[in-house]
Amino acid sequence: RILFGSDFPSNNIGGPLATVIGSGIGQA
């Protein structure tokens, strides 16, 4: 139910990217 997105330019892309990578969820 979750899609990766930044809503750039409201957010820089790197922040949301780091949030997903560091969220503690599995690779799948």
mmCIF file of all heavy atoms, coordinates in Angstrom:
data_MODEL
# 
_entry.id   MODEL 
# 
loop_
_atom_site.group_PDB 
_atom_site.id 
_atom_site.type_symbol 
_atom_site.label_atom_id 
_atom_site.label_alt_id 
_atom_site.label_comp_id 
_atom_site.label_asym_id 
_atom_site.label_entity_id 
_atom_site.label_seq_id 
_atom_site.pdbx_PDB_ins_code 
_atom_site.Cartn_x 
_atom_site.Cartn_y 
_atom_site.Cartn_z 
_atom_site.occupancy 
_atom_site.B_iso_or_equiv 
_atom_site.pdbx_formal_charge 
_atom_site.auth_seq_id 
_atom_site.auth_comp_id 
_atom_site.auth_asym_id 
_atom_site.auth_atom_id 
_atom_site.pdbx_PDB_model_num 
ATOM 1   N N   . ARG A 1 1  ? 0.811  -1.220 0.000  1.00 0.00 ? 1  ARG A N   1 
ATOM 2   C CA  . ARG A 1 1  ? 0.000  0.000  0.000  1.00 0.00 ? 1  ARG A CA  1 
ATOM 3   C C   . ARG A 1 1  ? 0.848  1.276  0.000  1.00 0.00 ? 1  ARG A C   1 
ATOM 4   O O   . ARG A 1 1  ? 0.304  2.377  0.039  1.00 0.00 ? 1  ARG A O   1 
ATOM 5   C CB  . ARG A 1 1  ? -0.919 0.022  1.228  1.00 0.00 ? 1  ARG A CB  1 
ATOM 6   C CG  . ARG A 1 1  ? -1.739 -1.253 1.431  1.00 0.00 ? 1  ARG A CG  1 
ATOM 7   C CD  . ARG A 1 1  ? -2.751 -1.475 0.343  1.00 0.00 ? 1  ARG A CD  1 
ATOM 8   N NE  . ARG A 1 1  ? -3.834 -0.520 0.371  1.00 0.00 ? 1  ARG A NE  1 
ATOM 9   C CZ  . ARG A 1 1  ? -4.900 -0.630 1.191  1.00 0.00 ? 1  ARG A CZ  1 
ATOM 10  N NH1 . ARG A 1 1  ? -4.998 -1.645 2.034  1.00 0.00 ? 1  ARG A NH1 1 
ATOM 11  N NH2 . ARG A 1 1  ? -5.861 0.272  1.132  1.00 0.00 ? 1  ARG A NH2 1 
ATOM 12  N N   . ILE A 1 2  ? 2.171  1.134  -0.053 1.00 0.00 ? 2  ILE A N   1 
ATOM 13  C CA  . ILE A 1 2  ? 3.073  2.281  0.039  1.00 0.00 ? 2  ILE A CA  1 
ATOM 14  C C   . ILE A 1 2  ? 3.862  2.414  -1.260 1.00 0.00 ? 2  ILE A C   1 
ATOM 15  O O   . ILE A 1 2  ? 4.387  1.427  -1.789 1.00 0.00 ? 2  ILE A O   1 
ATOM 16  C CB  . ILE A 1 2  ? 4.049  2.139  1.221  1.00 0.00 ? 2  ILE A CB  1 
ATOM 17  C CG1 . ILE A 1 2  ? 3.290  1.923  2.534  1.00 0.00 ? 2  ILE A CG1 1 
ATOM 18  C CG2 . ILE A 1 2  ? 4.956  3.363  1.332  1.00 0.00 ? 2  ILE A CG2 1 
ATOM 19  C CD1 . ILE A 1 2  ? 4.185  1.573  3.706  1.00 0.00 ? 2  ILE A CD1 1 
ATOM 20  N N   . LEU A 1 3  ? 3.958  3.631  -1.774 1.00 0.00 ? 3  LEU A N   1 
ATOM 21  C CA  . LEU A 1 3  ? 4.742  3.906  -2.974 1.00 0.00 ? 3  LEU A CA  1 
ATOM 22  C C   . LEU A 1 3  ? 5.899  4.839  -2.611 1.00 0.00 ? 3  LEU A C   1 
ATOM 23  O O   . LEU A 1 3  ? 5.694  5.838  -1.915 1.00 0.00 ? 3  LEU A O   1 
ATOM 24  C CB  . LEU A 1 3  ? 3.890  4.590  -4.041 1.00 0.00 ? 3  LEU A CB  1 
ATOM 25  C CG  . LEU A 1 3  ? 2.574  3.906  -4.439 1.00 0.00 ? 3  LEU A CG  1 
ATOM 26  C CD1 . LEU A 1 3  ? 1.824  4.771  -5.432 1.00 0.00 ? 3  LEU A CD1 1 
ATOM 27  C CD2 . LEU A 1 3  ? 2.824  2.529  -5.020 1.00 0.00 ? 3  LEU A CD2 1 
ATOM 28  N N   . PHE A 1 4  ? 7.092  4.530  -3.103 1.00 0.00 ? 4  PHE A N   1 
ATOM 29  C CA  . PHE A 1 4  ? 8.190  5.466  -2.905 1.00 0.00 ? 4  PHE A CA  1 
ATOM 30  C C   . PHE A 1 4  ? 7.924  6.724  -3.722 1.00 0.00 ? 4  PHE A C   1 
ATOM 31  O O   . PHE A 1 4  ? 7.581  6.675  -4.898 1.00 0.00 ? 4  PHE A O   1 
ATOM 32  C CB  . PHE A 1 4  ? 9.532  4.871  -3.337 1.00 0.00 ? 4  PHE A CB  1 
ATOM 33  C CG  . PHE A 1 4  ? 10.627 5.896  -3.355 1.00 0.00 ? 4  PHE A CG  1 
ATOM 34  C CD1 . PHE A 1 4  ? 11.092 6.430  -2.165 1.00 0.00 ? 4  PHE A CD1 1 
ATOM 35  C CD2 . PHE A 1 4  ? 11.144 6.362  -4.554 1.00 0.00 ? 4  PHE A CD2 1 
ATOM 36  C CE1 . PHE A 1 4  ? 12.079 7.417  -2.166 1.00 0.00 ? 4  PHE A CE1 1 
ATOM 37  C CE2 . PHE A 1 4  ? 12.130 7.342  -4.570 1.00 0.00 ? 4  PHE A CE2 1 
ATOM 38  C CZ  . PHE A 1 4  ? 12.595 7.859  -3.371 1.00 0.00 ? 4  PHE A CZ  1 
ATOM 39  N N   . GLY A 1 5  ? 8.083  7.847  -3.089 1.00 0.00 ? 5  GLY A N   1 
ATOM 40  C CA  . GLY A 1 5  ? 7.932  9.130  -3.768 1.00 0.00 ? 5  GLY A CA  1 
ATOM 41  C C   . GLY A 1 5  ? 8.501  10.224 -2.887 1.00 0.00 ? 5  GLY A C   1 
ATOM 42  O O   . GLY A 1 5  ? 8.526  10.101 -1.653 1.00 0.00 ? 5  GLY A O   1 
ATOM 43  N N   . SER A 1 6  ? 8.946  11.288 -3.502 1.00 0.00 ? 6  SER A N   1 
ATOM 44  C CA  . SER A 1 6  ? 9.521  12.405 -2.754 1.00 0.00 ? 6  SER A CA  1 
ATOM 45  C C   . SER A 1 6  ? 8.608  13.616 -2.722 1.00 0.00 ? 6  SER A C   1 
ATOM 46  O O   . SER A 1 6  ? 8.713  14.457 -1.847 1.00 0.00 ? 6  SER A O   1 
ATOM 47  C CB  . SER A 1 6  ? 10.862 12.814 -3.382 1.00 0.00 ? 6  SER A CB  1 
ATOM 48  O OG  . SER A 1 6  ? 10.665 13.276 -4.718 1.00 0.00 ? 6  SER A OG  1 
ATOM 49  N N   . ASP A 1 7  ? 7.708  13.717 -3.703 1.00 0.00 ? 7  ASP A N   1 
ATOM 50  C CA  . ASP A 1 7  ? 6.928  14.937 -3.933 1.00 0.00 ? 7  ASP A CA  1 
ATOM 51  C C   . ASP A 1 7  ? 7.863  16.112 -4.194 1.00 0.00 ? 7  ASP A C   1 
ATOM 52  O O   . ASP A 1 7  ? 7.565  17.253 -3.841 1.00 0.00 ? 7  ASP A O   1 
ATOM 53  C CB  . ASP A 1 7  ? 5.975  15.231 -2.778 1.00 0.00 ? 7  ASP A CB  1 
ATOM 54  C CG  . ASP A 1 7  ? 4.593  15.668 -3.278 1.00 0.00 ? 7  ASP A CG  1 
ATOM 55  O OD1 . ASP A 1 7  ? 4.203  15.240 -4.362 1.00 0.00 ? 7  ASP A OD1 1 
ATOM 56  O OD2 . ASP A 1 7  ? 3.925  16.440 -2.584 1.00 0.00 ? 7  ASP A OD2 1 
ATOM 57  N N   . PHE A 1 8  ? 9.006  15.823 -4.828 1.00 0.00 ? 8  PHE A N   1 
ATOM 58  C CA  . PHE A 1 8  ? 9.937  16.861 -5.235 1.00 0.00 ? 8  PHE A CA  1 
ATOM 59  C C   . PHE A 1 8  ? 9.211  17.892 -6.093 1.00 0.00 ? 8  PHE A C   1 
ATOM 60  O O   . PHE A 1 8  ? 8.430  17.533 -6.961 1.00 0.00 ? 8  PHE A O   1 
ATOM 61  C CB  . PHE A 1 8  ? 11.080 16.213 -6.036 1.00 0.00 ? 8  PHE A CB  1 
ATOM 62  C CG  . PHE A 1 8  ? 12.049 17.198 -6.623 1.00 0.00 ? 8  PHE A CG  1 
ATOM 63  C CD1 . PHE A 1 8  ? 13.156 17.589 -5.911 1.00 0.00 ? 8  PHE A CD1 1 
ATOM 64  C CD2 . PHE A 1 8  ? 11.857 17.718 -7.903 1.00 0.00 ? 8  PHE A CD2 1 
ATOM 65  C CE1 . PHE A 1 8  ? 14.055 18.498 -6.455 1.00 0.00 ? 8  PHE A CE1 1 
ATOM 66  C CE2 . PHE A 1 8  ? 12.744 18.626 -8.448 1.00 0.00 ? 8  PHE A CE2 1 
ATOM 67  C CZ  . PHE A 1 8  ? 13.849 19.016 -7.726 1.00 0.00 ? 8  PHE A CZ  1 
ATOM 68  N N   . PRO A 1 9  ? 9.363  19.198 -5.857 1.00 0.00 ? 9  PRO A N   1 
ATOM 69  C CA  . PRO A 1 9  ? 10.393 19.837 -5.025 1.00 0.00 ? 9  PRO A CA  1 
ATOM 70  C C   . PRO A 1 9  ? 9.974  20.132 -3.589 1.00 0.00 ? 9  PRO A C   1 
ATOM 71  O O   . PRO A 1 9  ? 10.729 20.813 -2.883 1.00 0.00 ? 9  PRO A O   1 
ATOM 72  C CB  . PRO A 1 9  ? 10.640 21.134 -5.784 1.00 0.00 ? 9  PRO A CB  1 
ATOM 73  C CG  . PRO A 1 9  ? 9.297  21.495 -6.328 1.00 0.00 ? 9  PRO A CG  1 
ATOM 74  C CD  . PRO A 1 9  ? 8.654  20.186 -6.700 1.00 0.00 ? 9  PRO A CD  1 
ATOM 75  N N   . SER A 1 10 ? 8.793  19.690 -3.146 1.00 0.00 ? 10 SER A N   1 
ATOM 76  C CA  . SER A 1 10 ? 8.435  19.926 -1.748 1.00 0.00 ? 10 SER A CA  1 
ATOM 77  C C   . SER A 1 10 ? 9.451  19.300 -0.806 1.00 0.00 ? 10 SER A C   1 
ATOM 78  O O   . SER A 1 10 ? 9.737  19.821 0.275  1.00 0.00 ? 10 SER A O   1 
ATOM 79  C CB  . SER A 1 10 ? 7.044  19.362 -1.459 1.00 0.00 ? 10 SER A CB  1 
ATOM 80  O OG  . SER A 1 10 ? 6.054  20.076 -2.154 1.00 0.00 ? 10 SER A OG  1 
ATOM 81  N N   . ASN A 1 11 ? 9.999  18.154 -1.197 1.00 0.00 ? 11 ASN A N   1 
ATOM 82  C CA  . ASN A 1 11 ? 11.054 17.488 -0.449 1.00 0.00 ? 11 ASN A CA  1 
ATOM 83  C C   . ASN A 1 11 ? 12.211 17.197 -1.389 1.00 0.00 ? 11 ASN A C   1 
ATOM 84  O O   . ASN A 1 11 ? 11.998 16.911 -2.572 1.00 0.00 ? 11 ASN A O   1 
ATOM 85  C CB  . ASN A 1 11 ? 10.560 16.160 0.147  1.00 0.00 ? 11 ASN A CB  1 
ATOM 86  C CG  . ASN A 1 11 ? 9.367  16.319 1.050  1.00 0.00 ? 11 ASN A CG  1 
ATOM 87  O OD1 . ASN A 1 11 ? 9.393  17.075 2.004  1.00 0.00 ? 11 ASN A OD1 1 
ATOM 88  N ND2 . ASN A 1 11 ? 8.287  15.593 0.755  1.00 0.00 ? 11 ASN A ND2 1 
ATOM 89  N N   . ASN A 1 12 ? 13.422 17.231 -0.878 1.00 0.00 ? 12 ASN A N   1 
ATOM 90  C CA  . ASN A 1 12 ? 14.546 16.692 -1.630 1.00 0.00 ? 12 ASN A CA  1 
ATOM 91  C C   . ASN A 1 12 ? 14.410 15.174 -1.698 1.00 0.00 ? 12 ASN A C   1 
ATOM 92  O O   . ASN A 1 12 ? 13.933 14.547 -0.751 1.00 0.00 ? 12 ASN A O   1 
ATOM 93  C CB  . ASN A 1 12 ? 15.871 17.080 -0.972 1.00 0.00 ? 12 ASN A CB  1 
ATOM 94  C CG  . ASN A 1 12 ? 16.196 18.550 -1.169 1.00 0.00 ? 12 ASN A CG  1 
ATOM 95  O OD1 . ASN A 1 12 ? 15.976 19.094 -2.248 1.00 0.00 ? 12 ASN A OD1 1 
ATOM 96  N ND2 . ASN A 1 12 ? 16.704 19.191 -0.133 1.00 0.00 ? 12 ASN A ND2 1 
ATOM 97  N N   . ILE A 1 13 ? 14.829 14.574 -2.777 1.00 0.00 ? 13 ILE A N   1 
ATOM 98  C CA  . ILE A 1 13 ? 14.611 13.149 -2.986 1.00 0.00 ? 13 ILE A CA  1 
ATOM 99  C C   . ILE A 1 13 ? 15.390 12.300 -1.984 1.00 0.00 ? 13 ILE A C   1 
ATOM 100 O O   . ILE A 1 13 ? 14.935 11.241 -1.552 1.00 0.00 ? 13 ILE A O   1 
ATOM 101 C CB  . ILE A 1 13 ? 14.976 12.757 -4.433 1.00 0.00 ? 13 ILE A CB  1 
ATOM 102 C CG1 . ILE A 1 13 ? 14.029 13.465 -5.415 1.00 0.00 ? 13 ILE A CG1 1 
ATOM 103 C CG2 . ILE A 1 13 ? 14.897 11.246 -4.636 1.00 0.00 ? 13 ILE A CG2 1 
ATOM 104 C CD1 . ILE A 1 13 ? 14.379 13.278 -6.873 1.00 0.00 ? 13 ILE A CD1 1 
ATOM 105 N N   . GLY A 1 14 ? 16.561 12.764 -1.577 1.00 0.00 ? 14 GLY A N   1 
ATOM 106 C CA  . GLY A 1 14 ? 17.403 11.958 -0.699 1.00 0.00 ? 14 GLY A CA  1 
ATOM 107 C C   . GLY A 1 14 ? 16.780 11.637 0.646  1.00 0.00 ? 14 GLY A C   1 
ATOM 108 O O   . GLY A 1 14 ? 17.007 10.556 1.198  1.00 0.00 ? 14 GLY A O   1 
ATOM 109 N N   . GLY A 1 15 ? 15.993 12.561 1.204  1.00 0.00 ? 15 GLY A N   1 
ATOM 110 C CA  . GLY A 1 15 ? 15.383 12.318 2.516  1.00 0.00 ? 15 GLY A CA  1 
ATOM 111 C C   . GLY A 1 15 ? 14.417 11.150 2.507  1.00 0.00 ? 15 GLY A C   1 
ATOM 112 O O   . GLY A 1 15 ? 14.562 10.206 3.304  1.00 0.00 ? 15 GLY A O   1 
ATOM 113 N N   . PRO A 1 16 ? 13.389 11.148 1.649  1.00 0.00 ? 16 PRO A N   1 
ATOM 114 C CA  . PRO A 1 16 ? 12.484 10.003 1.569  1.00 0.00 ? 16 PRO A CA  1 
ATOM 115 C C   . PRO A 1 16 ? 13.200 8.704  1.210  1.00 0.00 ? 16 PRO A C   1 
ATOM 116 O O   . PRO A 1 16 ? 12.820 7.628  1.696  1.00 0.00 ? 16 PRO A O   1 
ATOM 117 C CB  . PRO A 1 16 ? 11.495 10.422 0.470  1.00 0.00 ? 16 PRO A CB  1 
ATOM 118 C CG  . PRO A 1 16 ? 11.485 11.912 0.532  1.00 0.00 ? 16 PRO A CG  1 
ATOM 119 C CD  . PRO A 1 16 ? 12.903 12.294 0.848  1.00 0.00 ? 16 PRO A CD  1 
ATOM 120 N N   . LEU A 1 17 ? 14.227 8.793  0.362  1.00 0.00 ? 17 LEU A N   1 
ATOM 121 C CA  . LEU A 1 17 ? 14.988 7.597  0.005  1.00 0.00 ? 17 LEU A CA  1 
ATOM 122 C C   . LEU A 1 17 ? 15.658 6.999  1.231  1.00 0.00 ? 17 LEU A C   1 
ATOM 123 O O   . LEU A 1 17 ? 15.576 5.786  1.489  1.00 0.00 ? 17 LEU A O   1 
ATOM 124 C CB  . LEU A 1 17 ? 16.028 7.960  -1.061 1.00 0.00 ? 17 LEU A CB  1 
ATOM 125 C CG  . LEU A 1 17 ? 16.911 6.835  -1.597 1.00 0.00 ? 17 LEU A CG  1 
ATOM 126 C CD1 . LEU A 1 17 ? 16.079 5.784  -2.308 1.00 0.00 ? 17 LEU A CD1 1 
ATOM 127 C CD2 . LEU A 1 17 ? 17.972 7.411  -2.543 1.00 0.00 ? 17 LEU A CD2 1 
ATOM 128 N N   . ALA A 1 18 ? 16.308 7.849  2.029  1.00 0.00 ? 18 ALA A N   1 
ATOM 129 C CA  . ALA A 1 18 ? 16.970 7.376  3.245  1.00 0.00 ? 18 ALA A CA  1 
ATOM 130 C C   . ALA A 1 18 ? 15.964 6.825  4.253  1.00 0.00 ? 18 ALA A C   1 
ATOM 131 O O   . ALA A 1 18 ? 16.255 5.863  4.975  1.00 0.00 ? 18 ALA A O   1 
ATOM 132 C CB  . ALA A 1 18 ? 17.779 8.519  3.866  1.00 0.00 ? 18 ALA A CB  1 
ATOM 133 N N   . THR A 1 19 ? 14.763 7.425  4.291  1.00 0.00 ? 19 THR A N   1 
ATOM 134 C CA  . THR A 1 19 ? 13.737 6.963  5.223  1.00 0.00 ? 19 THR A CA  1 
ATOM 135 C C   . THR A 1 19 ? 13.338 5.522  4.919  1.00 0.00 ? 19 THR A C   1 
ATOM 136 O O   . THR A 1 19 ? 13.195 4.693  5.823  1.00 0.00 ? 19 THR A O   1 
ATOM 137 C CB  . THR A 1 19 ? 12.502 7.878  5.151  1.00 0.00 ? 19 THR A CB  1 
ATOM 138 O OG1 . THR A 1 19 ? 12.867 9.188  5.589  1.00 0.00 ? 19 THR A OG1 1 
ATOM 139 C CG2 . THR A 1 19 ? 11.383 7.350  6.039  1.00 0.00 ? 19 THR A CG2 1 
ATOM 140 N N   . VAL A 1 20 ? 13.157 5.201  3.638  1.00 0.00 ? 20 VAL A N   1 
ATOM 141 C CA  . VAL A 1 20 ? 12.777 3.829  3.277  1.00 0.00 ? 20 VAL A CA  1 
ATOM 142 C C   . VAL A 1 20 ? 13.920 2.864  3.562  1.00 0.00 ? 20 VAL A C   1 
ATOM 143 O O   . VAL A 1 20 ? 13.723 1.801  4.168  1.00 0.00 ? 20 VAL A O   1 
ATOM 144 C CB  . VAL A 1 20 ? 12.363 3.752  1.788  1.00 0.00 ? 20 VAL A CB  1 
ATOM 145 C CG1 . VAL A 1 20 ? 12.021 2.302  1.415  1.00 0.00 ? 20 VAL A CG1 1 
ATOM 146 C CG2 . VAL A 1 20 ? 11.165 4.648  1.517  1.00 0.00 ? 20 VAL A CG2 1 
ATOM 147 N N   . ILE A 1 21 ? 15.119 3.224  3.140  1.00 0.00 ? 21 ILE A N   1 
ATOM 148 C CA  . ILE A 1 21 ? 16.268 2.330  3.323  1.00 0.00 ? 21 ILE A CA  1 
ATOM 149 C C   . ILE A 1 21 ? 16.521 2.062  4.803  1.00 0.00 ? 21 ILE A C   1 
ATOM 150 O O   . ILE A 1 21 ? 16.856 0.936  5.199  1.00 0.00 ? 21 ILE A O   1 
ATOM 151 C CB  . ILE A 1 21 ? 17.516 2.932  2.651  1.00 0.00 ? 21 ILE A CB  1 
ATOM 152 C CG1 . ILE A 1 21 ? 17.327 2.972  1.131  1.00 0.00 ? 21 ILE A CG1 1 
ATOM 153 C CG2 . ILE A 1 21 ? 18.765 2.137  3.017  1.00 0.00 ? 21 ILE A CG2 1 
ATOM 154 C CD1 . ILE A 1 21 ? 18.420 3.713  0.394  1.00 0.00 ? 21 ILE A CD1 1 
ATOM 155 N N   . GLY A 1 22 ? 16.339 3.089  5.639  1.00 0.00 ? 22 GLY A N   1 
ATOM 156 C CA  . GLY A 1 22 ? 16.611 2.929  7.066  1.00 0.00 ? 22 GLY A CA  1 
ATOM 157 C C   . GLY A 1 22 ? 15.410 2.598  7.921  1.00 0.00 ? 22 GLY A C   1 
ATOM 158 O O   . GLY A 1 22 ? 15.470 2.704  9.149  1.00 0.00 ? 22 GLY A O   1 
ATOM 159 N N   . SER A 1 23 ? 14.313 2.171  7.309  1.00 0.00 ? 23 SER A N   1 
ATOM 160 C CA  . SER A 1 23 ? 13.066 1.956  8.047  1.00 0.00 ? 23 SER A CA  1 
ATOM 161 C C   . SER A 1 23 ? 13.039 0.670  8.870  1.00 0.00 ? 23 SER A C   1 
ATOM 162 O O   . SER A 1 23 ? 12.169 0.506  9.730  1.00 0.00 ? 23 SER A O   1 
ATOM 163 C CB  . SER A 1 23 ? 11.894 1.937  7.067  1.00 0.00 ? 23 SER A CB  1 
ATOM 164 O OG  . SER A 1 23 ? 12.015 0.839  6.158  1.00 0.00 ? 23 SER A OG  1 
ATOM 165 N N   . GLY A 1 24 ? 13.958 -0.253 8.583  1.00 0.00 ? 24 GLY A N   1 
ATOM 166 C CA  . GLY A 1 24 ? 13.971 -1.516 9.327  1.00 0.00 ? 24 GLY A CA  1 
ATOM 167 C C   . GLY A 1 24 ? 13.061 -2.579 8.762  1.00 0.00 ? 24 GLY A C   1 
ATOM 168 O O   . GLY A 1 24 ? 12.873 -3.628 9.389  1.00 0.00 ? 24 GLY A O   1 
ATOM 169 N N   . ILE A 1 25 ? 12.498 -2.357 7.574  1.00 0.00 ? 25 ILE A N   1 
ATOM 170 C CA  . ILE A 1 25 ? 11.663 -3.376 6.944  1.00 0.00 ? 25 ILE A CA  1 
ATOM 171 C C   . ILE A 1 25 ? 12.531 -4.281 6.070  1.00 0.00 ? 25 ILE A C   1 
ATOM 172 O O   . ILE A 1 25 ? 13.678 -3.957 5.755  1.00 0.00 ? 25 ILE A O   1 
ATOM 173 C CB  . ILE A 1 25 ? 10.534 -2.743 6.102  1.00 0.00 ? 25 ILE A CB  1 
ATOM 174 C CG1 . ILE A 1 25 ? 11.106 -1.890 4.969  1.00 0.00 ? 25 ILE A CG1 1 
ATOM 175 C CG2 . ILE A 1 25 ? 9.636  -1.889 7.004  1.00 0.00 ? 25 ILE A CG2 1 
ATOM 176 C CD1 . ILE A 1 25 ? 10.055 -1.300 4.044  1.00 0.00 ? 25 ILE A CD1 1 
ATOM 177 N N   . GLY A 1 26 ? 11.987 -5.426 5.652  1.00 0.00 ? 26 GLY A N   1 
ATOM 178 C CA  . GLY A 1 26 ? 12.740 -6.392 4.872  1.00 0.00 ? 26 GLY A CA  1 
ATOM 179 C C   . GLY A 1 26 ? 12.957 -5.954 3.435  1.00 0.00 ? 26 GLY A C   1 
ATOM 180 O O   . GLY A 1 26 ? 12.302 -5.043 2.928  1.00 0.00 ? 26 GLY A O   1 
ATOM 181 N N   . GLN A 1 27 ? 13.881 -6.648 2.765  1.00 0.00 ? 27 GLN A N   1 
ATOM 182 C CA  . GLN A 1 27 ? 14.215 -6.302 1.390  1.00 0.00 ? 27 GLN A CA  1 
ATOM 183 C C   . GLN A 1 27 ? 13.041 -6.508 0.435  1.00 0.00 ? 27 GLN A C   1 
ATOM 184 O O   . GLN A 1 27 ? 12.872 -5.738 -0.518 1.00 0.00 ? 27 GLN A O   1 
ATOM 185 C CB  . GLN A 1 27 ? 15.415 -7.132 0.923  1.00 0.00 ? 27 GLN A CB  1 
ATOM 186 C CG  . GLN A 1 27 ? 16.741 -6.690 1.530  1.00 0.00 ? 27 GLN A CG  1 
ATOM 187 C CD  . GLN A 1 27 ? 17.097 -5.263 1.157  1.00 0.00 ? 27 GLN A CD  1 
ATOM 188 O OE1 . GLN A 1 27 ? 17.232 -4.934 -0.021 1.00 0.00 ? 27 GLN A OE1 1 
ATOM 189 N NE2 . GLN A 1 27 ? 17.266 -4.405 2.156  1.00 0.00 ? 27 GLN A NE2 1 
ATOM 190 N N   . ALA A 1 28 ? 12.216 -7.508 0.671  1.00 0.00 ? 28 ALA A N   1 
ATOM 191 C CA  . ALA A 1 28 ? 11.052 -7.718 -0.195 1.00 0.00 ? 28 ALA A CA  1 
ATOM 192 C C   . ALA A 1 28 ? 10.080 -6.553 -0.081 1.00 0.00 ? 28 ALA A C   1 
ATOM 193 O O   . ALA A 1 28 ? 9.505  -6.111 -1.087 1.00 0.00 ? 28 ALA A O   1 
ATOM 194 C CB  . ALA A 1 28 ? 10.361 -9.034 0.161  1.00 0.00 ? 28 ALA A CB  1 
# 
